């Protein structure tokens, strides 16, 4: 496992992290908490020191599972946890929803409340990183989200301020980093072999400002693991039913054909490992956060940290 500083102002972390949406018990089909806890343990045992979650994942359940695991670890102080806020799920507690509903609230009042609740669920005094959870541009143009992050920093509730960039808004929202780079220690971007919009403006800007970059959706919801085909269909309680609809799945698989040569060249490694390595091969990107529901998946993922010999220049955009 390799380690790096998360931007100019961030902590030192592993270059492969653990994305904790998939273990939340919501939006990814059925999950097993015992298996999820074992997966987190396996990640830490393999050298992972960075875990990314959000308050809305499982309506707090993801954060609670992380707390339970860390309570059993003598090395818990080495683990950096990044969480997110801005989707106010609290009115829906106790209700039955197949897929998590959206309820944006980036007011100072809500973000302060959300940070306090995350602190309790994670059993922390200070959040390592709090990210705005993929707000639209209309929200980002307001003062309140930024005033909230400033206040939370000033009050010692968060160490680092972050922003999870809206999927497919990597260029349209890039000027927000230009405007708030003094406050933003970290951004999180959607980036993978088949979705590379971040390369156009946002990643060069982050590199220029020394902003830490967390890469999410590195396996395109599992498609880049090589396990799906054109007939794959997801359950009603799995967000991939729409995000990887038959039409989208077919289009992505057509695009993937261009990358067959690199997978064949490095055939001793899995598609998963090569796809993850691609993400952290970009000089602006510090950590990739694949999900892992089992220890086996985690052990496969972490190999990507050391594959620095793979040459992706032939796939320049």
C-alpha atoms as a PDB file:
ATOM      1  CA  UNK A   1       0.000   0.000   0.000  1.00  0.00           C
ATOM      2  CA  UNK A   2       1.222   3.452  -0.949  1.00  0.00           C
ATOM      3  CA  UNK A   3       0.447   6.582   1.070  1.00  0.00           C
ATOM      4  CA  UNK A   4       0.211  10.226   0.066  1.00  0.00           C
ATOM      5  CA  UNK A   5      -0.775  13.609   1.423  1.00  0.00           C
ATOM      6  CA  UNK A   6      -4.371  14.503   0.521  1.00  0.00           C
ATOM      7  CA  UNK A   7      -3.515  17.783  -1.161  1.00  0.00           C
ATOM      8  CA  UNK A   8      -1.475  20.607   0.261  1.00  0.00           C
ATOM      9  CA  UNK A   9      -3.443  20.853   3.512  1.00  0.00           C
ATOM     10  CA  UNK A  10      -4.899  17.369   3.986  1.00  0.00           C
ATOM     11  CA  UNK A  11      -3.733  14.396   6.057  1.00  0.00           C
ATOM     12  CA  UNK A  12      -1.516  11.541   4.867  1.00  0.00           C
ATOM     13  CA  UNK A  13      -3.727   8.671   3.672  1.00  0.00           C
ATOM     14  CA  UNK A  14      -3.611   5.407   1.713  1.00  0.00           C
ATOM     15  CA  UNK A  15      -4.040   5.843  -2.031  1.00  0.00           C
ATOM     16  CA  UNK A  16      -6.791   3.203  -2.030  1.00  0.00           C
ATOM     17  CA  UNK A  17      -9.552   3.907   0.463  1.00  0.00           C
ATOM     18  CA  UNK A  18     -12.858   2.312   1.401  1.00  0.00           C
ATOM     19  CA  UNK A  19     -16.125   3.694   0.036  1.00  0.00           C
ATOM     20  CA  UNK A  20     -18.900   2.989   2.529  1.00  0.00           C
ATOM     21  CA  UNK A  21     -22.098   3.644   0.547  1.00  0.00           C
ATOM     22  CA  UNK A  22     -22.463   0.037  -0.558  1.00  0.00           C
ATOM     23  CA  UNK A  23     -22.508  -1.307   3.020  1.00  0.00           C
ATOM     24  CA  UNK A  24     -25.246   1.054   4.158  1.00  0.00           C
ATOM     25  CA  UNK A  25     -28.114  -1.390   3.692  1.00  0.00           C
ATOM     26  CA  UNK A  26     -29.860   0.960   1.275  1.00  0.00           C
ATOM     27  CA  UNK A  27     -29.708   1.643  -2.470  1.00  0.00           C
ATOM     28  CA  UNK A  28     -27.417  -1.312  -3.317  1.00  0.00           C
ATOM     29  CA  UNK A  29     -29.695  -4.245  -2.706  1.00  0.00           C
ATOM     30  CA  UNK A  30     -29.494  -6.521   0.316  1.00  0.00           C
ATOM     31  CA  UNK A  31     -26.417  -6.287   2.549  1.00  0.00           C
ATOM     32  CA  UNK A  32     -25.237  -8.181   5.614  1.00  0.00           C
ATOM     33  CA  UNK A  33     -23.855  -6.117   8.507  1.00  0.00           C
ATOM     34  CA  UNK A  34     -21.500  -8.833   9.726  1.00  0.00           C
ATOM     35  CA  UNK A  35     -20.005  -9.132   6.247  1.00  0.00           C
ATOM     36  CA  UNK A  36     -19.781  -5.336   6.000  1.00  0.00           C
ATOM     37  CA  UNK A  37     -17.915  -5.074   9.288  1.00  0.00           C
ATOM     38  CA  UNK A  38     -15.527  -7.808   8.179  1.00  0.00           C
ATOM     39  CA  UNK A  39     -14.942  -5.893   4.944  1.00  0.00           C
ATOM     40  CA  UNK A  40     -13.963  -2.735   6.855  1.00  0.00           C
ATOM     41  CA  UNK A  41     -11.653  -4.766   9.101  1.00  0.00           C
ATOM     42  CA  UNK A  42     -10.090  -6.383   6.011  1.00  0.00           C
ATOM     43  CA  UNK A  43      -9.474  -2.957   4.478  1.00  0.00           C
ATOM     44  CA  UNK A  44      -7.705  -1.650   7.568  1.00  0.00           C
ATOM     45  CA  UNK A  45      -5.723  -4.880   7.916  1.00  0.00           C
ATOM     46  CA  UNK A  46      -4.575  -4.377   4.306  1.00  0.00           C
ATOM     47  CA  UNK A  47      -3.280  -0.883   5.059  1.00  0.00           C
ATOM     48  CA  UNK A  48      -6.297   1.278   4.158  1.00  0.00           C
ATOM     49  CA  UNK A  49      -6.340   4.414   6.311  1.00  0.00           C
ATOM     50  CA  UNK A  50      -9.091   6.371   4.544  1.00  0.00           C
ATOM     51  CA  UNK A  51     -12.836   5.693   4.756  1.00  0.00           C
ATOM     52  CA  UNK A  52     -15.425   7.770   2.900  1.00  0.00           C
ATOM     53  CA  UNK A  53     -19.074   7.789   3.955  1.00  0.00           C
ATOM     54  CA  UNK A  54     -22.064  10.156   4.247  1.00  0.00           C
ATOM     55  CA  UNK A  55     -24.725  10.783   6.844  1.00  0.00           C
ATOM     56  CA  UNK A  56     -27.479   9.805   4.391  1.00  0.00           C
ATOM     57  CA  UNK A  57     -25.990   6.380   3.595  1.00  0.00           C
ATOM     58  CA  UNK A  58     -28.499   4.031   5.193  1.00  0.00           C
ATOM     59  CA  UNK A  59     -29.855   7.021   7.135  1.00  0.00           C
ATOM     60  CA  UNK A  60     -26.760   6.980   9.364  1.00  0.00           C
ATOM     61  CA  UNK A  61     -26.216   3.219   9.272  1.00  0.00           C
ATOM     62  CA  UNK A  62     -22.941   3.398   7.339  1.00  0.00           C
ATOM     63  CA  UNK A  63     -21.451   5.760   9.930  1.00  0.00           C
ATOM     64  CA  UNK A  64     -22.639   3.498  12.737  1.00  0.00           C
ATOM     65  CA  UNK A  65     -20.992   0.435  11.196  1.00  0.00           C
ATOM     66  CA  UNK A  66     -17.724   2.361  10.886  1.00  0.00           C
ATOM     67  CA  UNK A  67     -17.927   3.348  14.553  1.00  0.00           C
ATOM     68  CA  UNK A  68     -18.516  -0.265  15.583  1.00  0.00           C
ATOM     69  CA  UNK A  69     -15.457  -1.458  13.674  1.00  0.00           C
ATOM     70  CA  UNK A  70     -13.183   1.304  14.884  1.00  0.00           C
ATOM     71  CA  UNK A  71     -14.213   0.627  18.481  1.00  0.00           C
ATOM     72  CA  UNK A  72     -12.611  -2.814  18.071  1.00  0.00           C
ATOM     73  CA  UNK A  73      -9.355  -1.508  16.558  1.00  0.00           C
ATOM     74  CA  UNK A  74      -6.258  -0.565  18.552  1.00  0.00           C
ATOM     75  CA  UNK A  75      -5.114   1.382  15.464  1.00  0.00           C
ATOM     76  CA  UNK A  76      -8.298   3.435  15.063  1.00  0.00           C
ATOM     77  CA  UNK A  77      -6.369   6.721  15.479  1.00  0.00           C
ATOM     78  CA  UNK A  78      -4.645   6.054  12.138  1.00  0.00           C
ATOM     79  CA  UNK A  79      -7.955   6.067  10.259  1.00  0.00           C
ATOM     80  CA  UNK A  80      -9.144   9.228   8.492  1.00  0.00           C
ATOM     81  CA  UNK A  81     -12.916   9.430   8.002  1.00  0.00           C
ATOM     82  CA  UNK A  82     -14.545  11.693   5.439  1.00  0.00           C
ATOM     83  CA  UNK A  83     -18.308  12.116   5.641  1.00  0.00           C
ATOM     84  CA  UNK A  84     -20.856  14.294   3.841  1.00  0.00           C
ATOM     85  CA  UNK A  85     -23.966  16.304   4.618  1.00  0.00           C
ATOM     86  CA  UNK A  86     -26.669  18.247   2.821  1.00  0.00           C
ATOM     87  CA  UNK A  87     -29.339  15.633   2.116  1.00  0.00           C
ATOM     88  CA  UNK A  88     -31.762  16.028   5.014  1.00  0.00           C
ATOM     89  CA  UNK A  89     -33.085  12.505   5.507  1.00  0.00           C
ATOM     90  CA  UNK A  90     -34.268  13.066   9.075  1.00  0.00           C
ATOM     91  CA  UNK A  91     -37.947  13.654   8.158  1.00  0.00           C
ATOM     92  CA  UNK A  92     -37.955  10.179   6.545  1.00  0.00           C
ATOM     93  CA  UNK A  93     -36.697   8.221   9.545  1.00  0.00           C
ATOM     94  CA  UNK A  94     -39.029   5.334  10.299  1.00  0.00           C
ATOM     95  CA  UNK A  95     -40.506   5.400   6.810  1.00  0.00           C
ATOM     96  CA  UNK A  96     -40.056   2.683   4.198  1.00  0.00           C
ATOM     97  CA  UNK A  97     -38.351   3.908   1.017  1.00  0.00           C
ATOM     98  CA  UNK A  98     -37.021   1.595  -1.696  1.00  0.00           C
ATOM     99  CA  UNK A  99     -34.464   4.204  -2.787  1.00  0.00           C
ATOM    100  CA  UNK A 100     -33.212   7.067  -0.614  1.00  0.00           C
ATOM    101  CA  UNK A 101     -35.240  10.233  -1.323  1.00  0.00           C
ATOM    102  CA  UNK A 102     -33.491  13.535  -2.003  1.00  0.00           C
ATOM    103  CA  UNK A 103     -34.170  16.448   0.317  1.00  0.00           C
ATOM    104  CA  UNK A 104     -31.529  19.133  -0.104  1.00  0.00           C
ATOM    105  CA  UNK A 105     -30.778  21.365   2.874  1.00  0.00           C
ATOM    106  CA  UNK A 106     -27.485  23.243   2.887  1.00  0.00           C
ATOM    107  CA  UNK A 107     -28.495  25.871   5.413  1.00  0.00           C
ATOM    108  CA  UNK A 108     -26.097  26.737   8.218  1.00  0.00           C
ATOM    109  CA  UNK A 109     -28.617  25.373  10.713  1.00  0.00           C
ATOM    110  CA  UNK A 110     -28.953  21.998   9.025  1.00  0.00           C
ATOM    111  CA  UNK A 111     -25.257  21.520   8.249  1.00  0.00           C
ATOM    112  CA  UNK A 112     -24.374  22.280  11.873  1.00  0.00           C
ATOM    113  CA  UNK A 113     -27.034  19.813  13.037  1.00  0.00           C
ATOM    114  CA  UNK A 114     -25.890  17.180  10.538  1.00  0.00           C
ATOM    115  CA  UNK A 115     -22.266  17.515  11.631  1.00  0.00           C
ATOM    116  CA  UNK A 116     -23.264  17.066  15.289  1.00  0.00           C
ATOM    117  CA  UNK A 117     -25.245  13.929  14.453  1.00  0.00           C
ATOM    118  CA  UNK A 118     -22.341  12.474  12.458  1.00  0.00           C
ATOM    119  CA  UNK A 119     -20.002  13.172  15.367  1.00  0.00           C
ATOM    120  CA  UNK A 120     -22.328  11.205  17.657  1.00  0.00           C
ATOM    121  CA  UNK A 121     -22.757   8.280  15.246  1.00  0.00           C
ATOM    122  CA  UNK A 122     -19.007   8.055  14.637  1.00  0.00           C
ATOM    123  CA  UNK A 123     -18.168   8.715  18.298  1.00  0.00           C
ATOM    124  CA  UNK A 124     -15.756  11.509  17.423  1.00  0.00           C
ATOM    125  CA  UNK A 125     -15.017  14.925  18.845  1.00  0.00           C
ATOM    126  CA  UNK A 126     -13.991  16.353  15.466  1.00  0.00           C
ATOM    127  CA  UNK A 127     -14.774  15.219  11.924  1.00  0.00           C
ATOM    128  CA  UNK A 128     -11.635  14.749   9.841  1.00  0.00           C
ATOM    129  CA  UNK A 129     -13.397  15.878   6.649  1.00  0.00           C
ATOM    130  CA  UNK A 130     -16.938  17.114   6.044  1.00  0.00           C
ATOM    131  CA  UNK A 131     -18.015  17.447   2.410  1.00  0.00           C
ATOM    132  CA  UNK A 132     -21.000  19.208   0.892  1.00  0.00           C
ATOM    133  CA  UNK A 133     -22.891  16.275  -0.641  1.00  0.00           C
ATOM    134  CA  UNK A 134     -23.119  16.971  -4.385  1.00  0.00           C
ATOM    135  CA  UNK A 135     -25.307  20.091  -4.380  1.00  0.00           C
ATOM    136  CA  UNK A 136     -26.558  21.722  -7.558  1.00  0.00           C
ATOM    137  CA  UNK A 137     -25.048  24.931  -8.859  1.00  0.00           C
ATOM    138  CA  UNK A 138     -27.925  27.051  -7.534  1.00  0.00           C
ATOM    139  CA  UNK A 139     -27.043  25.950  -3.992  1.00  0.00           C
ATOM    140  CA  UNK A 140     -23.307  26.389  -4.480  1.00  0.00           C
ATOM    141  CA  UNK A 141     -23.862  29.991  -5.584  1.00  0.00           C
ATOM    142  CA  UNK A 142     -25.419  30.789  -2.197  1.00  0.00           C
ATOM    143  CA  UNK A 143     -23.437  31.955   0.834  1.00  0.00           C
ATOM    144  CA  UNK A 144     -24.888  29.566   3.428  1.00  0.00           C
ATOM    145  CA  UNK A 145     -23.018  26.338   2.600  1.00  0.00           C
ATOM    146  CA  UNK A 146     -19.698  28.150   2.725  1.00  0.00           C
ATOM    147  CA  UNK A 147     -20.551  30.071   5.877  1.00  0.00           C
ATOM    148  CA  UNK A 148     -21.470  26.751   7.479  1.00  0.00           C
ATOM    149  CA  UNK A 149     -18.134  25.141   6.573  1.00  0.00           C
ATOM    150  CA  UNK A 150     -16.264  28.195   7.821  1.00  0.00           C
ATOM    151  CA  UNK A 151     -18.147  28.135  11.132  1.00  0.00           C
ATOM    152  CA  UNK A 152     -17.696  24.393  11.608  1.00  0.00           C
ATOM    153  CA  UNK A 153     -13.974  24.810  11.048  1.00  0.00           C
ATOM    154  CA  UNK A 154     -13.776  27.790  13.352  1.00  0.00           C
ATOM    155  CA  UNK A 155     -15.683  25.936  16.077  1.00  0.00           C
ATOM    156  CA  UNK A 156     -13.418  22.910  15.831  1.00  0.00           C
ATOM    157  CA  UNK A 157     -16.176  20.568  14.624  1.00  0.00           C
ATOM    158  CA  UNK A 158     -14.324  19.726  11.389  1.00  0.00           C
ATOM    159  CA  UNK A 159     -10.636  19.657  10.539  1.00  0.00           C
ATOM    160  CA  UNK A 160     -10.990  19.925   6.771  1.00  0.00           C
ATOM    161  CA  UNK A 161     -13.712  21.296   4.504  1.00  0.00           C
ATOM    162  CA  UNK A 162     -14.691  19.412   1.374  1.00  0.00           C
ATOM    163  CA  UNK A 163     -17.068  19.444  -1.552  1.00  0.00           C
ATOM    164  CA  UNK A 164     -18.388  16.417  -3.425  1.00  0.00           C
ATOM    165  CA  UNK A 165     -18.911  17.671  -6.978  1.00  0.00           C
ATOM    166  CA  UNK A 166     -22.218  16.842  -8.630  1.00  0.00           C
ATOM    167  CA  UNK A 167     -21.916  13.991 -11.126  1.00  0.00           C
ATOM    168  CA  UNK A 168     -21.545  15.324 -14.681  1.00  0.00           C
ATOM    169  CA  UNK A 169     -21.134  18.851 -13.282  1.00  0.00           C
ATOM    170  CA  UNK A 170     -17.349  18.657 -13.229  1.00  0.00           C
ATOM    171  CA  UNK A 171     -16.927  21.436 -15.796  1.00  0.00           C
ATOM    172  CA  UNK A 172     -20.056  23.506 -15.182  1.00  0.00           C
ATOM    173  CA  UNK A 173     -19.249  23.721 -11.463  1.00  0.00           C
ATOM    174  CA  UNK A 174     -15.466  24.089 -11.735  1.00  0.00           C
ATOM    175  CA  UNK A 175     -15.545  27.840 -11.090  1.00  0.00           C
ATOM    176  CA  UNK A 176     -16.777  27.077  -7.567  1.00  0.00           C
ATOM    177  CA  UNK A 177     -13.343  25.667  -6.706  1.00  0.00           C
ATOM    178  CA  UNK A 178     -11.768  28.755  -8.233  1.00  0.00           C
ATOM    179  CA  UNK A 179     -13.932  30.864  -5.928  1.00  0.00           C
ATOM    180  CA  UNK A 180     -13.574  28.842  -2.720  1.00  0.00           C
ATOM    181  CA  UNK A 181     -10.181  27.151  -2.982  1.00  0.00           C
ATOM    182  CA  UNK A 182      -8.928  28.930   0.149  1.00  0.00           C
ATOM    183  CA  UNK A 183     -11.637  27.195   2.196  1.00  0.00           C
ATOM    184  CA  UNK A 184     -11.817  23.870   0.365  1.00  0.00           C
ATOM    185  CA  UNK A 185      -9.102  21.469   1.425  1.00  0.00           C
ATOM    186  CA  UNK A 186     -10.629  18.564  -0.505  1.00  0.00           C
ATOM    187  CA  UNK A 187     -12.970  17.865  -3.407  1.00  0.00           C
ATOM    188  CA  UNK A 188     -14.534  14.570  -4.432  1.00  0.00           C
ATOM    189  CA  UNK A 189     -15.083  13.837  -8.120  1.00  0.00           C
ATOM    190  CA  UNK A 190     -16.752  11.219 -10.289  1.00  0.00           C
ATOM    191  CA  UNK A 191     -13.936   9.820 -12.395  1.00  0.00           C
ATOM    192  CA  UNK A 192     -13.226   6.501 -14.080  1.00  0.00           C
ATOM    193  CA  UNK A 193     -12.001   5.007 -17.362  1.00  0.00           C
ATOM    194  CA  UNK A 194     -15.282   5.775 -19.135  1.00  0.00           C
ATOM    195  CA  UNK A 195     -16.228   9.069 -17.437  1.00  0.00           C
ATOM    196  CA  UNK A 196     -13.351  11.517 -17.712  1.00  0.00           C
ATOM    197  CA  UNK A 197     -14.992  14.939 -17.803  1.00  0.00           C
ATOM    198  CA  UNK A 198     -13.042  15.955 -14.697  1.00  0.00           C
ATOM    199  CA  UNK A 199      -9.836  15.960 -16.760  1.00  0.00           C
ATOM    200  CA  UNK A 200     -10.959  18.971 -18.806  1.00  0.00           C
ATOM    201  CA  UNK A 201     -11.007  21.758 -16.200  1.00  0.00           C
ATOM    202  CA  UNK A 202     -11.524  20.564 -12.639  1.00  0.00           C
ATOM    203  CA  UNK A 203      -8.523  18.271 -12.116  1.00  0.00           C
ATOM    204  CA  UNK A 204      -6.003  20.746 -13.589  1.00  0.00           C
ATOM    205  CA  UNK A 205      -7.514  23.431 -11.349  1.00  0.00           C
ATOM    206  CA  UNK A 206      -7.255  21.204  -8.263  1.00  0.00           C
ATOM    207  CA  UNK A 207      -3.625  20.479  -9.133  1.00  0.00           C
ATOM    208  CA  UNK A 208      -2.927  24.190  -9.456  1.00  0.00           C
ATOM    209  CA  UNK A 209      -4.460  24.983  -6.061  1.00  0.00           C
ATOM    210  CA  UNK A 210      -3.075  21.928  -4.249  1.00  0.00           C
ATOM    211  CA  UNK A 211      -6.602  20.720  -3.475  1.00  0.00           C
ATOM    212  CA  UNK A 212      -6.948  17.127  -2.289  1.00  0.00           C
ATOM    213  CA  UNK A 213      -8.901  14.944  -4.744  1.00  0.00           C
ATOM    214  CA  UNK A 214     -10.973  11.911  -3.749  1.00  0.00           C
ATOM    215  CA  UNK A 215     -12.143   9.769  -6.682  1.00  0.00           C
ATOM    216  CA  UNK A 216     -15.588   8.211  -6.404  1.00  0.00           C
ATOM    217  CA  UNK A 217     -17.439   5.793  -8.701  1.00  0.00           C
ATOM    218  CA  UNK A 218     -14.066   4.469  -9.923  1.00  0.00           C
ATOM    219  CA  UNK A 219     -15.607   1.179 -11.055  1.00  0.00           C
ATOM    220  CA  UNK A 220     -18.737   2.808 -12.505  1.00  0.00           C
ATOM    221  CA  UNK A 221     -21.034   1.076 -10.012  1.00  0.00           C
ATOM    222  CA  UNK A 222     -19.264  -2.242 -10.595  1.00  0.00           C
ATOM    223  CA  UNK A 223     -19.368  -2.231 -14.391  1.00  0.00           C
ATOM    224  CA  UNK A 224     -15.563  -1.923 -14.610  1.00  0.00           C
ATOM    225  CA  UNK A 225     -15.155  -5.084 -12.571  1.00  0.00           C
ATOM    226  CA  UNK A 226     -16.110  -6.978 -15.727  1.00  0.00           C
ATOM    227  CA  UNK A 227     -18.986  -8.777 -14.025  1.00  0.00           C
ATOM    228  CA  UNK A 228     -21.886  -7.223 -15.965  1.00  0.00           C
ATOM    229  CA  UNK A 229     -23.154  -7.795 -19.479  1.00  0.00           C
ATOM    230  CA  UNK A 230     -25.935  -6.407 -21.662  1.00  0.00           C
ATOM    231  CA  UNK A 231     -28.545  -8.619 -20.003  1.00  0.00           C
ATOM    232  CA  UNK A 232     -27.718  -7.635 -16.416  1.00  0.00           C
ATOM    233  CA  UNK A 233     -30.764  -6.276 -14.539  1.00  0.00           C
ATOM    234  CA  UNK A 234     -30.737  -4.894 -11.003  1.00  0.00           C
ATOM    235  CA  UNK A 235     -33.402  -5.158  -8.308  1.00  0.00           C
ATOM    236  CA  UNK A 236     -35.888  -2.426  -7.452  1.00  0.00           C
ATOM    237  CA  UNK A 237     -33.972  -1.604  -4.253  1.00  0.00           C
ATOM    238  CA  UNK A 238     -30.732  -1.057  -6.185  1.00  0.00           C
ATOM    239  CA  UNK A 239     -30.010   2.425  -7.598  1.00  0.00           C
ATOM    240  CA  UNK A 240     -28.167   0.778 -10.502  1.00  0.00           C
ATOM    241  CA  UNK A 241     -31.542  -0.193 -11.936  1.00  0.00           C
ATOM    242  CA  UNK A 242     -31.656   3.366 -13.311  1.00  0.00           C
ATOM    243  CA  UNK A 243     -27.977   4.394 -13.229  1.00  0.00           C
ATOM    244  CA  UNK A 244     -27.060   1.271 -15.204  1.00  0.00           C
ATOM    245  CA  UNK A 245     -30.271   0.801 -17.145  1.00  0.00           C
ATOM    246  CA  UNK A 246     -30.089  -1.588 -20.137  1.00  0.00           C
ATOM    247  CA  UNK A 247     -29.564   1.362 -22.494  1.00  0.00           C
ATOM    248  CA  UNK A 248     -26.791   2.911 -20.391  1.00  0.00           C
ATOM    249  CA  UNK A 249     -25.194  -0.464 -19.757  1.00  0.00           C
ATOM    250  CA  UNK A 250     -25.028  -1.207 -23.476  1.00  0.00           C
ATOM    251  CA  UNK A 251     -23.513   2.196 -24.255  1.00  0.00           C
ATOM    252  CA  UNK A 252     -20.865   1.862 -21.550  1.00  0.00           C
ATOM    253  CA  UNK A 253     -19.952  -1.658 -22.682  1.00  0.00           C
ATOM    254  CA  UNK A 254     -19.493  -0.379 -26.232  1.00  0.00           C
ATOM    255  CA  UNK A 255     -17.078   2.290 -24.944  1.00  0.00           C
ATOM    256  CA  UNK A 256     -15.217  -0.270 -22.884  1.00  0.00           C
ATOM    257  CA  UNK A 257     -14.143  -2.109 -26.034  1.00  0.00           C
ATOM    258  CA  UNK A 258     -11.431   0.534 -26.549  1.00  0.00           C
ATOM    259  CA  UNK A 259      -9.698  -0.538 -23.345  1.00  0.00           C
ATOM    260  CA  UNK A 260      -9.394  -4.227 -24.164  1.00  0.00           C
ATOM    261  CA  UNK A 261      -5.729  -3.878 -25.192  1.00  0.00           C
ATOM    262  CA  UNK A 262      -4.674  -2.573 -21.773  1.00  0.00           C
ATOM    263  CA  UNK A 263      -6.600  -5.287 -19.942  1.00  0.00           C
ATOM    264  CA  UNK A 264      -4.978  -7.897 -22.193  1.00  0.00           C
ATOM    265  CA  UNK A 265      -1.504  -6.404 -21.764  1.00  0.00           C
ATOM    266  CA  UNK A 266      -1.780  -6.643 -17.974  1.00  0.00           C
ATOM    267  CA  UNK A 267      -3.819  -9.836 -17.887  1.00  0.00           C
ATOM    268  CA  UNK A 268      -2.239 -10.983 -14.627  1.00  0.00           C
ATOM    269  CA  UNK A 269      -4.292  -8.270 -12.928  1.00  0.00           C
ATOM    270  CA  UNK A 270      -8.075  -7.976 -12.810  1.00  0.00           C
ATOM    271  CA  UNK A 271     -10.172  -5.370 -14.594  1.00  0.00           C
ATOM    272  CA  UNK A 272     -11.019  -4.015 -11.155  1.00  0.00           C
ATOM    273  CA  UNK A 273      -7.383  -3.490 -10.216  1.00  0.00           C
ATOM    274  CA  UNK A 274      -6.447  -1.882 -13.527  1.00  0.00           C
ATOM    275  CA  UNK A 275      -9.517   0.390 -13.482  1.00  0.00           C
ATOM    276  CA  UNK A 276      -8.757   1.563  -9.952  1.00  0.00           C
ATOM    277  CA  UNK A 277      -5.138   2.160 -10.824  1.00  0.00           C
ATOM    278  CA  UNK A 278      -6.181   4.361 -13.742  1.00  0.00           C
ATOM    279  CA  UNK A 279      -7.934   6.752 -11.353  1.00  0.00           C
ATOM    280  CA  UNK A 280      -4.907   7.393  -9.147  1.00  0.00           C
ATOM    281  CA  UNK A 281      -2.587   7.554 -12.148  1.00  0.00           C
ATOM    282  CA  UNK A 282      -3.764  11.125 -12.742  1.00  0.00           C
ATOM    283  CA  UNK A 283      -1.371  13.516 -10.930  1.00  0.00           C
ATOM    284  CA  UNK A 284      -4.260  15.456  -9.375  1.00  0.00           C
ATOM    285  CA  UNK A 285      -5.916  12.390  -7.818  1.00  0.00           C
ATOM    286  CA  UNK A 286      -4.810  11.245  -4.377  1.00  0.00           C
ATOM    287  CA  UNK A 287      -7.174   8.469  -3.324  1.00  0.00           C
ATOM    288  CA  UNK A 288      -9.733   6.196  -4.927  1.00  0.00           C
ATOM    289  CA  UNK A 289     -12.692   4.912  -2.871  1.00  0.00           C
ATOM    290  CA  UNK A 290     -14.116   1.673  -4.255  1.00  0.00           C
ATOM    291  CA  UNK A 291     -16.822  -0.004  -2.235  1.00  0.00           C
ATOM    292  CA  UNK A 292     -16.389  -3.460  -0.800  1.00  0.00           C
ATOM    293  CA  UNK A 293     -19.119  -5.653   0.644  1.00  0.00           C
ATOM    294  CA  UNK A 294     -16.756  -8.541   1.394  1.00  0.00           C
ATOM    295  CA  UNK A 295     -13.189  -9.040   2.505  1.00  0.00           C
ATOM    296  CA  UNK A 296     -12.341 -10.686  -0.816  1.00  0.00           C
ATOM    297  CA  UNK A 297     -13.464  -7.607  -2.744  1.00  0.00           C
ATOM    298  CA  UNK A 298     -11.397  -5.358  -0.487  1.00  0.00           C
ATOM    299  CA  UNK A 299      -8.298  -7.509  -0.884  1.00  0.00           C
ATOM    300  CA  UNK A 300      -8.667  -7.302  -4.656  1.00  0.00           C
ATOM    301  CA  UNK A 301      -9.116  -3.521  -4.565  1.00  0.00           C
ATOM    302  CA  UNK A 302      -6.056  -2.658  -2.487  1.00  0.00           C
ATOM    303  CA  UNK A 303      -3.648  -4.217  -5.005  1.00  0.00           C
ATOM    304  CA  UNK A 304      -4.270  -1.196  -7.262  1.00  0.00           C
ATOM    305  CA  UNK A 305      -2.209   1.028  -4.969  1.00  0.00           C
ATOM    306  CA  UNK A 306       1.024  -0.641  -6.079  1.00  0.00           C
ATOM    307  CA  UNK A 307       0.394  -0.927  -9.838  1.00  0.00           C
ATOM    308  CA  UNK A 308       2.365   2.195 -10.683  1.00  0.00           C
ATOM    309  CA  UNK A 309       4.015   0.483 -13.665  1.00  0.00           C
ATOM    310  CA  UNK A 310       0.822   0.461 -15.770  1.00  0.00           C
ATOM    311  CA  UNK A 311       1.018   2.936 -18.644  1.00  0.00           C
ATOM    312  CA  UNK A 312      -2.248   4.716 -19.484  1.00  0.00           C
ATOM    313  CA  UNK A 313      -0.741   7.299 -21.852  1.00  0.00           C
ATOM    314  CA  UNK A 314      -2.083   5.414 -24.857  1.00  0.00           C
ATOM    315  CA  UNK A 315      -5.579   6.304 -23.655  1.00  0.00           C
ATOM    316  CA  UNK A 316      -5.043  10.041 -23.459  1.00  0.00           C
ATOM    317  CA  UNK A 317      -8.362  11.820 -23.833  1.00  0.00           C
END
